[in-house]
Amino acid sequence: VPRQKKFNEHVNDHQLFFCRELHKRGFPIKVVEDEGSLYNILG
């Protein structure tokens, strides 16, 4: 779950961009950007 600037969790969105890119390249991580998706995955 990348920290996001819009929620004042980090100074910029580098975690978000980095994780999206890794996922796009097939890196074995499950990227979750919002709380609703986390509910769905864990539910």
ModelCIF file with pLDDT and N, C-alpha, C, O atoms, coordinates in Angstrom:
data_MODEL
#
_entry.id   MODEL 
#
_entity.id                         1 
_entity.type                       polymer 
_entity.pdbx_number_of_molecules   1 
#
_entity_poly.entity_id                      1 
_entity_poly.type                           'polypeptide(L)' 
_entity_poly.nstd_linkage                   no 
_entity_poly.nstd_monomer                   no 
_entity_poly.pdbx_seq_one_letter_code       VPRQKKFNEHVNDHQLFFCRELHKRGFPIKVVEDEGSLYNILG 
_entity_poly.pdbx_seq_one_letter_code_can   VPRQKKFNEHVNDHQLFFCRELHKRGFPIKVVEDEGSLYNILG 
_entity_poly.pdbx_strand_id                 A 
#
loop_
_entity_poly_seq.entity_id 
_entity_poly_seq.num 
_entity_poly_seq.mon_id 
_entity_poly_seq.hetero 
1 1  VAL n 
1 2  PRO n 
1 3  ARG n 
1 4  GLN n 
1 5  LYS n 
1 6  LYS n 
1 7  PHE n 
1 8  ASN n 
1 9  GLU n 
1 10 HIS n 
1 11 VAL n 
1 12 ASN n 
1 13 ASP n 
1 14 HIS n 
1 15 GLN n 
1 16 LEU n 
1 17 PHE n 
1 18 PHE n 
1 19 CYS n 
1 20 ARG n 
1 21 GLU n 
1 22 LEU n 
1 23 HIS n 
1 24 LYS n 
1 25 ARG n 
1 26 GLY n 
1 27 PHE n 
1 28 PRO n 
1 29 ILE n 
1 30 LYS n 
1 31 VAL n 
1 32 VAL n 
1 33 GLU n 
1 34 ASP n 
1 35 GLU n 
1 36 GLY n 
1 37 SER n 
1 38 LEU n 
1 39 TYR n 
1 40 ASN n 
1 41 ILE n 
1 42 LEU n 
1 43 GLY n 
#
_struct_asym.id          A 
_struct_asym.entity_id   1 
#
loop_
_ma_qa_metric.id 
_ma_qa_metric.mode 
_ma_qa_metric.name 
_ma_qa_metric.software_group_id 
_ma_qa_metric.type 
1 global pLDDT . pLDDT 
2 local  pLDDT . pLDDT 
#
_ma_qa_metric_global.metric_id      1 
_ma_qa_metric_global.metric_value   91.88 
_ma_qa_metric_global.model_id       1 
_ma_qa_metric_global.ordinal_id     1 
#
loop_
_ma_qa_metric_local.label_asym_id 
_ma_qa_metric_local.label_comp_id 
_ma_qa_metric_local.label_seq_id 
_ma_qa_metric_local.metric_id 
_ma_qa_metric_local.metric_value 
_ma_qa_metric_local.model_id 
_ma_qa_metric_local.ordinal_id 
A VAL 1  2 97.00 1 1  
A PRO 2  2 97.00 1 2  
A ARG 3  2 96.00 1 3  
A GLN 4  2 97.00 1 4  
A LYS 5  2 96.00 1 5  
A LYS 6  2 96.00 1 6  
A PHE 7  2 95.00 1 7  
A ASN 8  2 95.00 1 8  
A GLU 9  2 96.00 1 9  
A HIS 10 2 96.00 1 10 
A VAL 11 2 95.00 1 11 
A ASN 12 2 96.00 1 12 
A ASP 13 2 95.00 1 13 
A HIS 14 2 94.00 1 14 
A GLN 15 2 95.00 1 15 
A LEU 16 2 95.00 1 16 
A PHE 17 2 95.00 1 17 
A PHE 18 2 94.00 1 18 
A CYS 19 2 94.00 1 19 
A ARG 20 2 94.00 1 20 
A GLU 21 2 92.00 1 21 
A LEU 22 2 91.00 1 22 
A HIS 23 2 91.00 1 23 
A LYS 24 2 91.00 1 24 
A ARG 25 2 89.00 1 25 
A GLY 26 2 88.00 1 26 
A PHE 27 2 88.00 1 27 
A PRO 28 2 90.00 1 28 
A ILE 29 2 92.00 1 29 
A LYS 30 2 93.00 1 30 
A VAL 31 2 95.00 1 31 
A VAL 32 2 95.00 1 32 
A GLU 33 2 94.00 1 33 
A ASP 34 2 90.00 1 34 
A GLU 35 2 86.00 1 35 
A GLY 36 2 86.00 1 36 
A SER 37 2 88.00 1 37 
A LEU 38 2 89.00 1 38 
A TYR 39 2 86.00 1 39 
A ASN 40 2 85.00 1 40 
A ILE 41 2 85.00 1 41 
A LEU 42 2 84.00 1 42 
A GLY 43 2 75.00 1 43 
#
loop_
_atom_site.group_PDB 
_atom_site.id 
_atom_site.type_symbol 
_atom_site.label_atom_id 
_atom_site.label_alt_id 
_atom_site.label_comp_id 
_atom_site.label_asym_id 
_atom_site.label_entity_id 
_atom_site.label_seq_id 
_atom_site.pdbx_PDB_ins_code 
_atom_site.Cartn_x 
_atom_site.Cartn_y 
_atom_site.Cartn_z 
_atom_site.occupancy 
_atom_site.B_iso_or_equiv 
_atom_site.pdbx_formal_charge 
_atom_site.auth_seq_id 
_atom_site.auth_comp_id 
_atom_site.auth_asym_id 
_atom_site.auth_atom_id 
_atom_site.pdbx_PDB_model_num 
ATOM 1   N N  . VAL A 1 1  ? 0.869   -1.168  0.000   1.00 97.00 ? 1  VAL A N  1 
ATOM 2   C CA . VAL A 1 1  ? 0.000   0.000   0.000   1.00 97.00 ? 1  VAL A CA 1 
ATOM 3   C C  . VAL A 1 1  ? 0.917   1.232   0.000   1.00 97.00 ? 1  VAL A C  1 
ATOM 4   O O  . VAL A 1 1  ? 1.408   1.642   1.052   1.00 97.00 ? 1  VAL A O  1 
ATOM 5   N N  . PRO A 1 2  ? 1.145   1.822   -1.186  1.00 97.00 ? 2  PRO A N  1 
ATOM 6   C CA . PRO A 1 2  ? 2.056   2.968   -1.246  1.00 97.00 ? 2  PRO A CA 1 
ATOM 7   C C  . PRO A 1 2  ? 1.505   4.176   -0.489  1.00 97.00 ? 2  PRO A C  1 
ATOM 8   O O  . PRO A 1 2  ? 0.312   4.477   -0.541  1.00 97.00 ? 2  PRO A O  1 
ATOM 9   N N  . ARG A 1 3  ? 2.396   4.847   0.204   1.00 96.00 ? 3  ARG A N  1 
ATOM 10  C CA . ARG A 1 3  ? 2.028   6.116   0.825   1.00 96.00 ? 3  ARG A CA 1 
ATOM 11  C C  . ARG A 1 3  ? 1.750   7.127   -0.286  1.00 96.00 ? 3  ARG A C  1 
ATOM 12  O O  . ARG A 1 3  ? 2.389   7.097   -1.338  1.00 96.00 ? 3  ARG A O  1 
ATOM 13  N N  . GLN A 1 4  ? 0.780   8.032   -0.038  1.00 97.00 ? 4  GLN A N  1 
ATOM 14  C CA . GLN A 1 4  ? 0.420   9.008   -1.064  1.00 97.00 ? 4  GLN A CA 1 
ATOM 15  C C  . GLN A 1 4  ? 0.467   10.430  -0.509  1.00 97.00 ? 4  GLN A C  1 
ATOM 16  O O  . GLN A 1 4  ? 0.098   10.691  0.636   1.00 97.00 ? 4  GLN A O  1 
ATOM 17  N N  . LYS A 1 5  ? 0.928   11.324  -1.356  1.00 96.00 ? 5  LYS A N  1 
ATOM 18  C CA . LYS A 1 5  ? 1.054   12.725  -0.965  1.00 96.00 ? 5  LYS A CA 1 
ATOM 19  C C  . LYS A 1 5  ? -0.310  13.349  -0.623  1.00 96.00 ? 5  LYS A C  1 
ATOM 20  O O  . LYS A 1 5  ? -0.418  14.123  0.328   1.00 96.00 ? 5  LYS A O  1 
ATOM 21  N N  . LYS A 1 6  ? -1.346  13.009  -1.401  1.00 96.00 ? 6  LYS A N  1 
ATOM 22  C CA . LYS A 1 6  ? -2.654  13.645  -1.181  1.00 96.00 ? 6  LYS A CA 1 
ATOM 23  C C  . LYS A 1 6  ? -3.230  13.360  0.204   1.00 96.00 ? 6  LYS A C  1 
ATOM 24  O O  . LYS A 1 6  ? -4.115  14.077  0.670   1.00 96.00 ? 6  LYS A O  1 
ATOM 25  N N  . PHE A 1 7  ? -2.725  12.308  0.865   1.00 95.00 ? 7  PHE A N  1 
ATOM 26  C CA . PHE A 1 7  ? -3.164  11.990  2.220   1.00 95.00 ? 7  PHE A CA 1 
ATOM 27  C C  . PHE A 1 7  ? -2.138  12.441  3.259   1.00 95.00 ? 7  PHE A C  1 
ATOM 28  O O  . PHE A 1 7  ? -2.246  12.083  4.432   1.00 95.00 ? 7  PHE A O  1 
ATOM 29  N N  . ASN A 1 8  ? -1.144  13.224  2.836   1.00 95.00 ? 8  ASN A N  1 
ATOM 30  C CA . ASN A 1 8  ? -0.054  13.690  3.706   1.00 95.00 ? 8  ASN A CA 1 
ATOM 31  C C  . ASN A 1 8  ? 0.715   12.530  4.345   1.00 95.00 ? 8  ASN A C  1 
ATOM 32  O O  . ASN A 1 8  ? 1.137   12.607  5.499   1.00 95.00 ? 8  ASN A O  1 
ATOM 33  N N  . GLU A 1 9  ? 0.886   11.458  3.569   1.00 96.00 ? 9  GLU A N  1 
ATOM 34  C CA . GLU A 1 9  ? 1.613   10.282  4.048   1.00 96.00 ? 9  GLU A CA 1 
ATOM 35  C C  . GLU A 1 9  ? 3.076   10.315  3.625   1.00 96.00 ? 9  GLU A C  1 
ATOM 36  O O  . GLU A 1 9  ? 3.908   9.590   4.171   1.00 96.00 ? 9  GLU A O  1 
ATOM 37  N N  . HIS A 1 10 ? 3.380   11.160  2.651   1.00 96.00 ? 10 HIS A N  1 
ATOM 38  C CA . HIS A 1 10 ? 4.760   11.310  2.177   1.00 96.00 ? 10 HIS A CA 1 
ATOM 39  C C  . HIS A 1 10 ? 4.889   12.653  1.472   1.00 96.00 ? 10 HIS A C  1 
ATOM 40  O O  . HIS A 1 10 ? 3.893   13.334  1.227   1.00 96.00 ? 10 HIS A O  1 
ATOM 41  N N  . VAL A 1 11 ? 6.113   13.024  1.150   1.00 95.00 ? 11 VAL A N  1 
ATOM 42  C CA . VAL A 1 11 ? 6.374   14.332  0.538   1.00 95.00 ? 11 VAL A CA 1 
ATOM 43  C C  . VAL A 1 11 ? 6.018   14.364  -0.943  1.00 95.00 ? 11 VAL A C  1 
ATOM 44  O O  . VAL A 1 11 ? 5.822   15.440  -1.507  1.00 95.00 ? 11 VAL A O  1 
ATOM 45  N N  . ASN A 1 12 ? 5.932   13.186  -1.586  1.00 96.00 ? 12 ASN A N  1 
ATOM 46  C CA . ASN A 1 12 ? 5.532   13.076  -2.987  1.00 96.00 ? 12 ASN A CA 1 
ATOM 47  C C  . ASN A 1 12 ? 4.970   11.669  -3.211  1.00 96.00 ? 12 ASN A C  1 
ATOM 48  O O  . ASN A 1 12 ? 4.781   10.905  -2.264  1.00 96.00 ? 12 ASN A O  1 
ATOM 49  N N  . ASP A 1 13 ? 4.710   11.346  -4.462  1.00 95.00 ? 13 ASP A N  1 
ATOM 50  C CA . ASP A 1 13 ? 4.100   10.046  -4.769  1.00 95.00 ? 13 ASP A CA 1 
ATOM 51  C C  . ASP A 1 13 ? 5.095   9.039   -5.347  1.00 95.00 ? 13 ASP A C  1 
ATOM 52  O O  . ASP A 1 13 ? 4.714   8.177   -6.138  1.00 95.00 ? 13 ASP A O  1 
ATOM 53  N N  . HIS A 1 14 ? 6.355   9.145   -4.961  1.00 94.00 ? 14 HIS A N  1 
ATOM 54  C CA . HIS A 1 14 ? 7.357   8.228   -5.520  1.00 94.00 ? 14 HIS A CA 1 
ATOM 55  C C  . HIS A 1 14 ? 7.046   6.759   -5.201  1.00 94.00 ? 14 HIS A C  1 
ATOM 56  O O  . HIS A 1 14 ? 7.309   5.888   -6.030  1.00 94.00 ? 14 HIS A O  1 
ATOM 57  N N  . GLN A 1 15 ? 6.497   6.469   -4.022  1.00 95.00 ? 15 GLN A N  1 
ATOM 58  C CA . GLN A 1 15 ? 6.162   5.079   -3.697  1.00 95.00 ? 15 GLN A CA 1 
ATOM 59  C C  . GLN A 1 15 ? 5.086   4.550   -4.651  1.00 95.00 ? 15 GLN A C  1 
ATOM 60  O O  . GLN A 1 15 ? 5.163   3.417   -5.126  1.00 95.00 ? 15 GLN A O  1 
ATOM 61  N N  . LEU A 1 16 ? 4.105   5.374   -4.916  1.00 95.00 ? 16 LEU A N  1 
ATOM 62  C CA . LEU A 1 16 ? 3.010   4.992   -5.802  1.00 95.00 ? 16 LEU A CA 1 
ATOM 63  C C  . LEU A 1 16 ? 3.526   4.708   -7.209  1.00 95.00 ? 16 LEU A C  1 
ATOM 64  O O  . LEU A 1 16 ? 3.212   3.666   -7.784  1.00 95.00 ? 16 LEU A O  1 
ATOM 65  N N  . PHE A 1 17 ? 4.315   5.625   -7.767  1.00 95.00 ? 17 PHE A N  1 
ATOM 66  C CA . PHE A 1 17 ? 4.831   5.454   -9.128  1.00 95.00 ? 17 PHE A CA 1 
ATOM 67  C C  . PHE A 1 17 ? 5.775   4.255   -9.216  1.00 95.00 ? 17 PHE A C  1 
ATOM 68  O O  . PHE A 1 17 ? 5.725   3.488   -10.178 1.00 95.00 ? 17 PHE A O  1 
ATOM 69  N N  . PHE A 1 18 ? 6.623   4.101   -8.220  1.00 94.00 ? 18 PHE A N  1 
ATOM 70  C CA . PHE A 1 18 ? 7.591   3.004   -8.195  1.00 94.00 ? 18 PHE A CA 1 
ATOM 71  C C  . PHE A 1 18 ? 6.875   1.652   -8.128  1.00 94.00 ? 18 PHE A C  1 
ATOM 72  O O  . PHE A 1 18 ? 7.209   0.730   -8.873  1.00 94.00 ? 18 PHE A O  1 
ATOM 73  N N  . CYS A 1 19 ? 5.898   1.540   -7.238  1.00 94.00 ? 19 CYS A N  1 
ATOM 74  C CA . CYS A 1 19 ? 5.178   0.265   -7.083  1.00 94.00 ? 19 CYS A CA 1 
ATOM 75  C C  . CYS A 1 19 ? 4.353   -0.066  -8.324  1.00 94.00 ? 19 CYS A C  1 
ATOM 76  O O  . CYS A 1 19 ? 4.287   -1.227  -8.731  1.00 94.00 ? 19 CYS A O  1 
ATOM 77  N N  . ARG A 1 20 ? 3.730   0.936   -8.925  1.00 94.00 ? 20 ARG A N  1 
ATOM 78  C CA . ARG A 1 20 ? 2.990   0.694   -10.170 1.00 94.00 ? 20 ARG A CA 1 
ATOM 79  C C  . ARG A 1 20 ? 3.922   0.154   -11.257 1.00 94.00 ? 20 ARG A C  1 
ATOM 80  O O  . ARG A 1 20 ? 3.579   -0.789  -11.970 1.00 94.00 ? 20 ARG A O  1 
ATOM 81  N N  . GLU A 1 21 ? 5.093   0.759   -11.370 1.00 92.00 ? 21 GLU A N  1 
ATOM 82  C CA . GLU A 1 21 ? 6.058   0.340   -12.393 1.00 92.00 ? 21 GLU A CA 1 
ATOM 83  C C  . GLU A 1 21 ? 6.546   -1.089  -12.140 1.00 92.00 ? 21 GLU A C  1 
ATOM 84  O O  . GLU A 1 21 ? 6.642   -1.892  -13.069 1.00 92.00 ? 21 GLU A O  1 
ATOM 85  N N  . LEU A 1 22 ? 6.853   -1.399  -10.881 1.00 91.00 ? 22 LEU A N  1 
ATOM 86  C CA . LEU A 1 22 ? 7.292   -2.762  -10.563 1.00 91.00 ? 22 LEU A CA 1 
ATOM 87  C C  . LEU A 1 22 ? 6.204   -3.779  -10.895 1.00 91.00 ? 22 LEU A C  1 
ATOM 88  O O  . LEU A 1 22 ? 6.481   -4.835  -11.463 1.00 91.00 ? 22 LEU A O  1 
ATOM 89  N N  . HIS A 1 23 ? 4.974   -3.449  -10.538 1.00 91.00 ? 23 HIS A N  1 
ATOM 90  C CA . HIS A 1 23 ? 3.855   -4.350  -10.822 1.00 91.00 ? 23 HIS A CA 1 
ATOM 91  C C  . HIS A 1 23 ? 3.685   -4.534  -12.330 1.00 91.00 ? 23 HIS A C  1 
ATOM 92  O O  . HIS A 1 23 ? 3.469   -5.649  -12.806 1.00 91.00 ? 23 HIS A O  1 
ATOM 93  N N  . LYS A 1 24 ? 3.782   -3.444  -13.070 1.00 91.00 ? 24 LYS A N  1 
ATOM 94  C CA . LYS A 1 24 ? 3.655   -3.493  -14.523 1.00 91.00 ? 24 LYS A CA 1 
ATOM 95  C C  . LYS A 1 24 ? 4.732   -4.391  -15.148 1.00 91.00 ? 24 LYS A C  1 
ATOM 96  O O  . LYS A 1 24 ? 4.488   -5.055  -16.155 1.00 91.00 ? 24 LYS A O  1 
ATOM 97  N N  . ARG A 1 25 ? 5.908   -4.403  -14.546 1.00 89.00 ? 25 ARG A N  1 
ATOM 98  C CA . ARG A 1 25 ? 7.021   -5.216  -15.055 1.00 89.00 ? 25 ARG A CA 1 
ATOM 99  C C  . ARG A 1 25 ? 6.993   -6.658  -14.530 1.00 89.00 ? 25 ARG A C  1 
ATOM 100 O O  . ARG A 1 25 ? 7.903   -7.445  -14.794 1.00 89.00 ? 25 ARG A O  1 
ATOM 101 N N  . GLY A 1 26 ? 5.935   -6.988  -13.784 1.00 88.00 ? 26 GLY A N  1 
ATOM 102 C CA . GLY A 1 26 ? 5.769   -8.366  -13.341 1.00 88.00 ? 26 GLY A CA 1 
ATOM 103 C C  . GLY A 1 26 ? 6.411   -8.695  -12.006 1.00 88.00 ? 26 GLY A C  1 
ATOM 104 O O  . GLY A 1 26 ? 6.522   -9.867  -11.647 1.00 88.00 ? 26 GLY A O  1 
ATOM 105 N N  . PHE A 1 27 ? 6.836   -7.680  -11.266 1.00 88.00 ? 27 PHE A N  1 
ATOM 106 C CA . PHE A 1 27 ? 7.416   -7.928  -9.948  1.00 88.00 ? 27 PHE A CA 1 
ATOM 107 C C  . PHE A 1 27 ? 6.325   -8.508  -9.059  1.00 88.00 ? 27 PHE A C  1 
ATOM 108 O O  . PHE A 1 27 ? 5.198   -8.014  -9.089  1.00 88.00 ? 27 PHE A O  1 
ATOM 109 N N  . PRO A 1 28 ? 6.617   -9.532  -8.273  1.00 90.00 ? 28 PRO A N  1 
ATOM 110 C CA . PRO A 1 28 ? 5.580   -10.250 -7.516  1.00 90.00 ? 28 PRO A CA 1 
ATOM 111 C C  . PRO A 1 28 ? 5.102   -9.509  -6.258  1.00 90.00 ? 28 PRO A C  1 
ATOM 112 O O  . PRO A 1 28 ? 5.351   -9.939  -5.133  1.00 90.00 ? 28 PRO A O  1 
ATOM 113 N N  . ILE A 1 29 ? 4.411   -8.389  -6.480  1.00 92.00 ? 29 ILE A N  1 
ATOM 114 C CA . ILE A 1 29 ? 3.786   -7.657  -5.376  1.00 92.00 ? 29 ILE A CA 1 
ATOM 115 C C  . ILE A 1 29 ? 2.345   -7.364  -5.768  1.00 92.00 ? 29 ILE A C  1 
ATOM 116 O O  . ILE A 1 29 ? 2.032   -7.222  -6.951  1.00 92.00 ? 29 ILE A O  1 
ATOM 117 N N  . LYS A 1 30 ? 1.480   -7.274  -4.782  1.00 93.00 ? 30 LYS A N  1 
ATOM 118 C CA . LYS A 1 30 ? 0.082   -6.900  -4.998  1.00 93.00 ? 30 LYS A CA 1 
ATOM 119 C C  . LYS A 1 30 ? -0.045  -5.448  -4.560  1.00 93.00 ? 30 LYS A C  1 
ATOM 120 O O  . LYS A 1 30 ? 0.013   -5.162  -3.364  1.00 93.00 ? 30 LYS A O  1 
ATOM 121 N N  . VAL A 1 31 ? -0.217  -4.527  -5.502  1.00 95.00 ? 31 VAL A N  1 
ATOM 122 C CA . VAL A 1 31 ? -0.282  -3.102  -5.191  1.00 95.00 ? 31 VAL A CA 1 
ATOM 123 C C  . VAL A 1 31 ? -1.730  -2.711  -4.935  1.00 95.00 ? 31 VAL A C  1 
ATOM 124 O O  . VAL A 1 31 ? -2.613  -2.986  -5.746  1.00 95.00 ? 31 VAL A O  1 
ATOM 125 N N  . VAL A 1 32 ? -1.961  -2.065  -3.796  1.00 95.00 ? 32 VAL A N  1 
ATOM 126 C CA . VAL A 1 32 ? -3.294  -1.619  -3.397  1.00 95.00 ? 32 VAL A CA 1 
ATOM 127 C C  . VAL A 1 32 ? -3.220  -0.113  -3.134  1.00 95.00 ? 32 VAL A C  1 
ATOM 128 O O  . VAL A 1 32 ? -2.466  0.343   -2.275  1.00 95.00 ? 32 VAL A O  1 
ATOM 129 N N  . GLU A 1 33 ? -4.011  0.644   -3.884  1.00 94.00 ? 33 GLU A N  1 
ATOM 130 C CA . GLU A 1 33 ? -3.938  2.106   -3.785  1.00 94.00 ? 33 GLU A CA 1 
ATOM 131 C C  . GLU A 1 33 ? -5.029  2.723   -2.923  1.00 94.00 ? 33 GLU A C  1 
ATOM 132 O O  . GLU A 1 33 ? -4.918  3.880   -2.519  1.00 94.00 ? 33 GLU A O  1 
ATOM 133 N N  . ASP A 1 34 ? -6.086  1.961   -2.638  1.00 90.00 ? 34 ASP A N  1 
ATOM 134 C CA . ASP A 1 34 ? -7.180  2.557   -1.862  1.00 90.00 ? 34 ASP A CA 1 
ATOM 135 C C  . ASP A 1 34 ? -7.732  1.550   -0.860  1.00 90.00 ? 34 ASP A C  1 
ATOM 136 O O  . ASP A 1 34 ? -7.545  0.339   -0.981  1.00 90.00 ? 34 ASP A O  1 
ATOM 137 N N  . GLU A 1 35 ? -8.407  2.095   0.115   1.00 86.00 ? 35 GLU A N  1 
ATOM 138 C CA . GLU A 1 35 ? -8.927  1.277   1.210   1.00 86.00 ? 35 GLU A CA 1 
ATOM 139 C C  . GLU A 1 35 ? -9.971  0.267   0.756   1.00 86.00 ? 35 GLU A C  1 
ATOM 140 O O  . GLU A 1 35 ? -10.021 -0.850  1.270   1.00 86.00 ? 35 GLU A O  1 
ATOM 141 N N  . GLY A 1 36 ? -10.809 0.658   -0.209  1.00 86.00 ? 36 GLY A N  1 
ATOM 142 C CA . GLY A 1 36 ? -11.847 -0.247  -0.701  1.00 86.00 ? 36 GLY A CA 1 
ATOM 143 C C  . GLY A 1 36 ? -11.254 -1.516  -1.287  1.00 86.00 ? 36 GLY A C  1 
ATOM 144 O O  . GLY A 1 36 ? -11.777 -2.611  -1.078  1.00 86.00 ? 36 GLY A O  1 
ATOM 145 N N  . SER A 1 37 ? -10.165 -1.366  -2.020  1.00 88.00 ? 37 SER A N  1 
ATOM 146 C CA . SER A 1 37 ? -9.501  -2.536  -2.601  1.00 88.00 ? 37 SER A CA 1 
ATOM 147 C C  . SER A 1 37 ? -8.933  -3.429  -1.509  1.00 88.00 ? 37 SER A C  1 
ATOM 148 O O  . SER A 1 37 ? -8.932  -4.653  -1.640  1.00 88.00 ? 37 SER A O  1 
ATOM 149 N N  . LEU A 1 38 ? -8.451  -2.824  -0.436  1.00 89.00 ? 38 LEU A N  1 
ATOM 150 C CA . LEU A 1 38 ? -7.910  -3.606  0.674   1.00 89.00 ? 38 LEU A CA 1 
ATOM 151 C C  . LEU A 1 38 ? -9.023  -4.412  1.341   1.00 89.00 ? 38 LEU A C  1 
ATOM 152 O O  . LEU A 1 38 ? -8.825  -5.576  1.690   1.00 89.00 ? 38 LEU A O  1 
ATOM 153 N N  . TYR A 1 39 ? -10.200 -3.792  1.520   1.00 86.00 ? 39 TYR A N  1 
ATOM 154 C CA . TYR A 1 39 ? -11.358 -4.517  2.063   1.00 86.00 ? 39 TYR A CA 1 
ATOM 155 C C  . TYR A 1 39 ? -11.679 -5.719  1.183   1.00 86.00 ? 39 TYR A C  1 
ATOM 156 O O  . TYR A 1 39 ? -11.899 -6.824  1.679   1.00 86.00 ? 39 TYR A O  1 
ATOM 157 N N  . ASN A 1 40 ? -11.703 -5.489  -0.140  1.00 85.00 ? 40 ASN A N  1 
ATOM 158 C CA . ASN A 1 40 ? -12.054 -6.565  -1.072  1.00 85.00 ? 40 ASN A CA 1 
ATOM 159 C C  . ASN A 1 40 ? -11.036 -7.693  -1.030  1.00 85.00 ? 40 ASN A C  1 
ATOM 160 O O  . ASN A 1 40 ? -11.413 -8.864  -0.983  1.00 85.00 ? 40 ASN A O  1 
ATOM 161 N N  . ILE A 1 41 ? -9.762  -7.358  -1.046  1.00 85.00 ? 41 ILE A N  1 
ATOM 162 C CA . ILE A 1 41 ? -8.713  -8.382  -1.056  1.00 85.00 ? 41 ILE A CA 1 
ATOM 163 C C  . ILE A 1 41 ? -8.751  -9.212  0.221   1.00 85.00 ? 41 ILE A C  1 
ATOM 164 O O  . ILE A 1 41 ? -8.665  -10.439 0.167   1.00 85.00 ? 41 ILE A O  1 
ATOM 165 N N  . LEU A 1 42 ? -8.877  -8.551  1.363   1.00 84.00 ? 42 LEU A N  1 
ATOM 166 C CA . LEU A 1 42 ? -8.855  -9.274  2.635   1.00 84.00 ? 42 LEU A CA 1 
ATOM 167 C C  . LEU A 1 42 ? -10.199 -9.915  2.966   1.00 84.00 ? 42 LEU A C  1 
ATOM 168 O O  . LEU A 1 42 ? -10.265 -10.818 3.799   1.00 84.00 ? 42 LEU A O  1 
ATOM 169 N N  . GLY A 1 43 ? -11.265 -9.458  2.324   1.00 75.00 ? 43 GLY A N  1 
ATOM 170 C CA . GLY A 1 43 ? -12.594 -9.966  2.624   1.00 75.00 ? 43 GLY A CA 1 
ATOM 171 C C  . GLY A 1 43 ? -12.956 -11.257 1.922   1.00 75.00 ? 43 GLY A C  1 
ATOM 172 O O  . GLY A 1 43 ? -14.058 -11.772 2.107   1.00 75.00 ? 43 GLY A O  1 
#
